[in-house]
């Protein structure tokens, strides 16, 4: 994955997409680009192309195999899919829906109408969202490039899960 960085090389900075933010009157304004931070997190601070992100999802669907080559052990991938947060803490955690868990790097869906139990998911601060559904062997990424929550990623995920929207896999 050659286009994923916490510290974007200067030569790639012109490729960083603009980010928008809605104002109080509903108009969108361009926000300044993020600069690298000391806090390195996939949900806030990772710069990535949609192609690289989909390859990351594919890697997890195939339990550590990327383009026919093992890059993570199957055991590591399965460990990442387990809940690692105590149930008592999950009851007060505000970023996850009730009943969900948190693996090593993602939220873990449980008891949702339009998500299989065990679906891995998360979203970033400026709208990139992803899901990996090991049960149905589907994954997706949606990049919005705007501050604030938006229902579009969940709508896309719902219709892909129902088979109503099939997007080609081109990694």
Protein backbone atom coordinates (compact mmCIF):
# COMPACT_ATOMS: atom_id res chain seq x y z
CA UNK A 1 0.00 0.00 0.00
CA UNK A 2 2.16 2.78 -1.35
CA UNK A 3 -0.31 5.65 -1.02
CA UNK A 4 -1.02 5.49 2.73
CA UNK A 5 0.86 7.87 4.99
CA UNK A 6 0.71 9.54 8.36
CA UNK A 7 3.31 11.99 7.10
CA UNK A 8 2.64 12.68 3.43
CA UNK A 9 5.79 13.11 1.35
CA UNK A 10 6.07 16.62 -0.10
CA UNK A 11 5.91 15.20 -3.61
CA UNK A 12 2.43 13.80 -2.89
CA UNK A 13 0.98 16.83 -1.05
CA UNK A 14 -0.65 18.25 -4.23
CA UNK A 15 -2.74 15.06 -4.42
CA UNK A 16 -4.41 15.66 -1.04
CA UNK A 17 -8.14 16.18 -1.64
CA UNK A 18 -9.83 19.30 -0.36
CA UNK A 19 -12.09 18.98 2.70
CA UNK A 20 -15.36 20.86 3.07
CA UNK A 21 -17.30 21.95 6.13
CA UNK A 22 -20.91 23.12 6.25
CA UNK A 23 -21.49 26.58 7.68
CA UNK A 24 -24.49 27.57 9.80
CA UNK A 25 -26.37 28.70 6.64
CA UNK A 26 -25.76 25.33 4.93
CA UNK A 27 -23.07 26.43 2.50
CA UNK A 28 -19.81 24.54 2.23
CA UNK A 29 -16.43 26.15 2.74
CA UNK A 30 -13.01 24.70 1.96
CA UNK A 31 -10.99 23.81 5.04
CA UNK A 32 -7.21 24.00 5.31
CA UNK A 33 -5.40 20.71 4.80
CA UNK A 34 -4.47 18.73 7.86
CA UNK A 35 -0.84 18.51 8.71
CA UNK A 36 0.76 15.52 10.35
CA UNK A 37 0.03 15.20 14.03
CA UNK A 38 1.71 13.46 16.91
CA UNK A 39 -1.38 11.26 17.33
CA UNK A 40 -1.18 8.57 14.66
CA UNK A 41 -4.60 7.01 14.19
CA UNK A 42 -6.37 5.48 11.21
CA UNK A 43 -9.47 7.51 12.18
CA UNK A 44 -7.65 10.83 12.41
CA UNK A 45 -4.37 11.49 10.71
CA UNK A 46 -3.98 8.77 8.09
CA UNK A 47 -3.84 9.93 4.50
CA UNK A 48 -4.84 7.15 2.12
CA UNK A 49 -6.21 6.59 -1.37
CA UNK A 50 -9.46 4.71 -1.85
CA UNK A 51 -7.50 2.03 -3.74
CA UNK A 52 -5.11 1.46 -0.83
CA UNK A 53 -7.98 1.43 1.66
CA UNK A 54 -9.90 -1.15 -0.37
CA UNK A 55 -6.74 -3.28 -0.52
CA UNK A 56 -6.62 -3.06 3.30
CA UNK A 57 -10.23 -4.32 3.42
CA UNK A 58 -9.42 -7.10 0.95
CA UNK A 59 -6.46 -8.13 3.11
CA UNK A 60 -8.83 -8.62 6.05
CA UNK A 61 -11.45 -10.45 4.00
CA UNK A 62 -8.72 -12.89 2.93
CA UNK A 63 -7.36 -13.28 6.50
CA UNK A 64 -3.98 -11.70 5.87
CA UNK A 65 -3.40 -12.49 2.19
CA UNK A 66 -2.93 -9.57 -0.19
CA UNK A 67 -2.63 -10.23 -3.92
CA UNK A 68 -1.75 -13.86 -3.29
CA UNK A 69 0.97 -13.07 -0.73
CA UNK A 70 0.60 -13.53 3.04
CA UNK A 71 1.40 -10.25 4.82
CA UNK A 72 -0.40 -10.91 8.15
CA UNK A 73 -0.91 -14.22 9.88
CA UNK A 74 -4.44 -15.61 9.89
CA UNK A 75 -4.22 -15.68 13.70
CA UNK A 76 -3.42 -11.94 13.80
CA UNK A 77 -6.40 -11.13 11.58
CA UNK A 78 -8.74 -13.24 13.70
CA UNK A 79 -7.38 -11.61 16.88
CA UNK A 80 -8.09 -8.18 15.38
CA UNK A 81 -11.73 -9.24 14.85
CA UNK A 82 -12.30 -10.09 18.52
CA UNK A 83 -13.73 -7.64 21.03
CA UNK A 84 -10.95 -6.36 23.31
CA UNK A 85 -12.96 -3.91 25.40
CA UNK A 86 -14.68 -4.92 28.65
CA UNK A 87 -18.49 -4.96 28.40
CA UNK A 88 -18.78 -2.49 31.30
CA UNK A 89 -16.76 0.09 29.39
CA UNK A 90 -18.74 -0.52 26.21
CA UNK A 91 -21.94 0.42 28.04
CA UNK A 92 -20.64 3.95 28.56
CA UNK A 93 -18.56 4.32 25.39
CA UNK A 94 -20.22 7.01 23.28
CA UNK A 95 -18.64 6.26 19.87
CA UNK A 96 -20.04 2.75 19.47
CA UNK A 97 -23.70 1.75 19.25
CA UNK A 98 -24.98 -0.24 22.23
CA UNK A 99 -23.94 -3.88 22.04
CA UNK A 100 -21.05 -3.31 19.66
CA UNK A 101 -17.47 -4.22 20.47
CA UNK A 102 -14.06 -2.90 19.59
CA UNK A 103 -11.38 -5.04 17.98
CA UNK A 104 -7.81 -4.07 17.23
CA UNK A 105 -8.48 -1.18 14.88
CA UNK A 106 -12.20 -1.29 14.22
CA UNK A 107 -15.67 -1.31 15.66
CA UNK A 108 -17.42 -4.70 15.65
CA UNK A 109 -21.10 -4.76 14.71
CA UNK A 110 -23.58 -6.81 16.71
CA UNK A 111 -27.36 -6.92 16.57
CA UNK A 112 -27.91 -4.47 13.72
CA UNK A 113 -30.61 -4.80 11.09
CA UNK A 114 -28.43 -4.04 8.06
CA UNK A 115 -25.04 -5.35 9.25
CA UNK A 116 -23.93 -8.90 9.87
CA UNK A 117 -22.66 -9.59 13.37
CA UNK A 118 -18.89 -9.31 13.29
CA UNK A 119 -18.76 -6.70 10.54
CA UNK A 120 -15.67 -4.54 11.04
CA UNK A 121 -16.13 -0.80 10.48
CA UNK A 122 -14.95 2.69 11.30
CA UNK A 123 -14.91 6.20 9.91
CA UNK A 124 -12.42 9.03 9.94
CA UNK A 125 -12.71 12.64 11.00
CA UNK A 126 -13.33 14.00 7.47
CA UNK A 127 -15.71 11.34 6.20
CA UNK A 128 -13.83 8.29 5.00
CA UNK A 129 -15.74 5.20 6.08
CA UNK A 130 -15.18 1.51 5.60
CA UNK A 131 -16.76 -1.81 6.40
CA UNK A 132 -15.58 -5.38 6.10
CA UNK A 133 -18.29 -8.04 6.34
CA UNK A 134 -16.58 -11.44 6.74
CA UNK A 135 -19.93 -13.29 6.77
CA UNK A 136 -21.05 -12.04 3.35
CA UNK A 137 -17.49 -11.51 2.05
CA UNK A 138 -18.11 -7.89 1.12
CA UNK A 139 -16.21 -4.73 1.89
CA UNK A 140 -16.42 -1.12 0.90
CA UNK A 141 -14.95 2.32 1.34
CA UNK A 142 -16.69 5.66 0.95
CA UNK A 143 -14.66 8.87 0.96
CA UNK A 144 -16.72 12.05 1.50
CA UNK A 145 -14.03 14.64 2.35
CA UNK A 146 -16.21 16.73 4.66
CA UNK A 147 -16.45 17.34 8.37
CA UNK A 148 -19.48 16.00 10.20
CA UNK A 149 -21.48 12.83 10.08
CA UNK A 150 -23.32 11.82 6.94
CA UNK A 151 -25.74 8.93 6.30
CA UNK A 152 -24.35 8.15 2.81
CA UNK A 153 -21.73 5.53 3.84
CA UNK A 154 -24.35 3.49 5.75
CA UNK A 155 -26.80 3.77 2.84
CA UNK A 156 -24.16 2.47 0.41
CA UNK A 157 -23.25 -0.34 2.84
CA UNK A 158 -26.93 -1.30 3.24
CA UNK A 159 -27.56 -1.55 -0.50
CA UNK A 160 -24.32 -3.42 -1.18
CA UNK A 161 -25.29 -5.85 1.60
CA UNK A 162 -28.72 -6.36 0.04
CA UNK A 163 -27.18 -7.03 -3.35
CA UNK A 164 -29.00 -4.01 -4.78
CA UNK A 165 -25.75 -2.20 -5.50
CA UNK A 166 -22.81 -4.15 -6.80
CA UNK A 167 -19.61 -2.26 -7.35
CA UNK A 168 -16.68 -3.80 -9.22
CA UNK A 169 -13.62 -4.77 -7.23
CA UNK A 170 -10.64 -3.18 -8.95
CA UNK A 171 -7.67 -3.38 -6.63
